[in-house]
């Protein structure tokens, strides 16, 4: 049970990090298009 909960938590943390990274990348592309095109 403990291992399952830990695994679920790791997956949720990775998902959150991925969503933040995508959101940050989109924000950067909107505010600074030159950075993405380079």
N, C-alpha and C. Protein backbone atom coordinates (compact mmCIF):
# COMPACT_ATOMS: atom_id res chain seq x y z
N UNK A 1 0.83 -1.21 0.00
CA UNK A 1 0.00 0.00 0.00
C UNK A 1 0.87 1.27 0.00
N UNK A 2 1.89 1.26 0.85
CA UNK A 2 2.77 2.43 0.95
C UNK A 2 3.49 2.69 -0.37
N UNK A 3 3.93 1.61 -1.03
CA UNK A 3 4.65 1.74 -2.30
C UNK A 3 3.71 2.33 -3.37
N UNK A 4 2.47 1.86 -3.38
CA UNK A 4 1.49 2.35 -4.36
C UNK A 4 1.25 3.85 -4.18
N UNK A 5 1.08 4.27 -2.93
CA UNK A 5 0.84 5.68 -2.65
C UNK A 5 2.04 6.53 -3.07
N UNK A 6 3.24 6.03 -2.79
CA UNK A 6 4.46 6.75 -3.13
C UNK A 6 4.58 6.88 -4.66
N UNK A 7 4.29 5.78 -5.36
CA UNK A 7 4.38 5.79 -6.82
C UNK A 7 3.37 6.79 -7.40
N UNK A 8 2.15 6.80 -6.86
CA UNK A 8 1.11 7.72 -7.32
C UNK A 8 1.55 9.16 -7.10
N UNK A 9 2.17 9.41 -5.95
CA UNK A 9 2.61 10.76 -5.62
C UNK A 9 3.70 11.22 -6.58
N UNK A 10 4.63 10.32 -6.89
CA UNK A 10 5.72 10.65 -7.82
C UNK A 10 5.15 10.99 -9.20
N UNK A 11 4.17 10.19 -9.66
CA UNK A 11 3.55 10.42 -10.96
C UNK A 11 2.85 11.78 -10.98
N UNK A 12 2.12 12.10 -9.90
CA UNK A 12 1.39 13.36 -9.83
C UNK A 12 2.35 14.55 -9.79
N UNK A 13 3.48 14.38 -9.11
CA UNK A 13 4.50 15.43 -9.05
C UNK A 13 5.11 15.65 -10.43
N UNK A 14 5.44 14.56 -11.11
CA UNK A 14 6.01 14.66 -12.46
C UNK A 14 5.02 15.34 -13.41
N UNK A 15 3.74 14.99 -13.29
CA UNK A 15 2.70 15.58 -14.13
C UNK A 15 2.61 17.09 -13.86
N UNK A 16 2.66 17.46 -12.59
CA UNK A 16 2.59 18.88 -12.22
C UNK A 16 3.79 19.65 -12.78
N UNK A 17 4.98 19.07 -12.67
CA UNK A 17 6.19 19.70 -13.20
C UNK A 17 6.09 19.87 -14.71
N UNK A 18 5.57 18.84 -15.40
CA UNK A 18 5.41 18.90 -16.85
C UNK A 18 4.44 20.01 -17.24
N UNK A 19 3.32 20.10 -16.53
CA UNK A 19 2.33 21.14 -16.82
C UNK A 19 2.92 22.53 -16.59
N UNK A 20 3.69 22.69 -15.53
CA UNK A 20 4.32 23.98 -15.24
C UNK A 20 5.33 24.33 -16.34
N UNK A 21 6.10 23.32 -16.77
CA UNK A 21 7.10 23.54 -17.81
C UNK A 21 6.44 23.95 -19.13
N UNK A 22 5.35 23.28 -19.48
CA UNK A 22 4.62 23.62 -20.71
C UNK A 22 4.04 25.03 -20.61
N UNK A 23 3.44 25.33 -19.46
CA UNK A 23 2.86 26.65 -19.24
C UNK A 23 3.92 27.75 -19.31
N UNK A 24 5.08 27.49 -18.72
CA UNK A 24 6.19 28.45 -18.74
C UNK A 24 6.70 28.66 -20.16
N UNK A 25 6.83 27.55 -20.91
CA UNK A 25 7.30 27.63 -22.30
C UNK A 25 6.33 28.43 -23.16
N UNK A 26 5.03 28.20 -22.97
CA UNK A 26 4.00 28.93 -23.72
C UNK A 26 4.05 30.41 -23.35
N UNK A 27 4.21 30.70 -22.06
CA UNK A 27 4.30 32.09 -21.59
C UNK A 27 5.50 32.79 -22.21
N UNK A 28 6.63 32.10 -22.26
CA UNK A 28 7.86 32.65 -22.84
C UNK A 28 7.68 32.91 -24.33
N UNK A 29 7.02 31.98 -25.04
CA UNK A 29 6.82 32.12 -26.48
C UNK A 29 5.90 33.30 -26.80
N UNK A 30 4.95 33.59 -25.89
CA UNK A 30 4.03 34.71 -26.08
C UNK A 30 4.74 36.04 -25.78
N UNK A 31 5.49 36.07 -24.68
CA UNK A 31 6.14 37.32 -24.25
C UNK A 31 7.42 37.60 -25.04
N UNK A 32 8.14 36.54 -25.44
CA UNK A 32 9.42 36.72 -26.13
C UNK A 32 9.52 35.74 -27.31
N UNK A 33 8.88 36.06 -28.44
CA UNK A 33 8.90 35.14 -29.60
C UNK A 33 10.29 34.93 -30.18
N UNK A 34 11.17 35.91 -30.08
CA UNK A 34 12.53 35.80 -30.63
C UNK A 34 13.30 34.66 -29.98
N UNK A 35 13.05 34.43 -28.68
CA UNK A 35 13.76 33.40 -27.93
C UNK A 35 13.43 32.01 -28.48
N UNK A 36 12.16 31.79 -28.86
CA UNK A 36 11.72 30.49 -29.36
C UNK A 36 12.19 30.27 -30.79
N UNK A 37 12.13 31.33 -31.61
CA UNK A 37 12.49 31.20 -33.02
C UNK A 37 13.98 31.01 -33.23
N UNK A 38 14.79 31.49 -32.31
CA UNK A 38 16.25 31.43 -32.44
C UNK A 38 16.75 29.99 -32.53
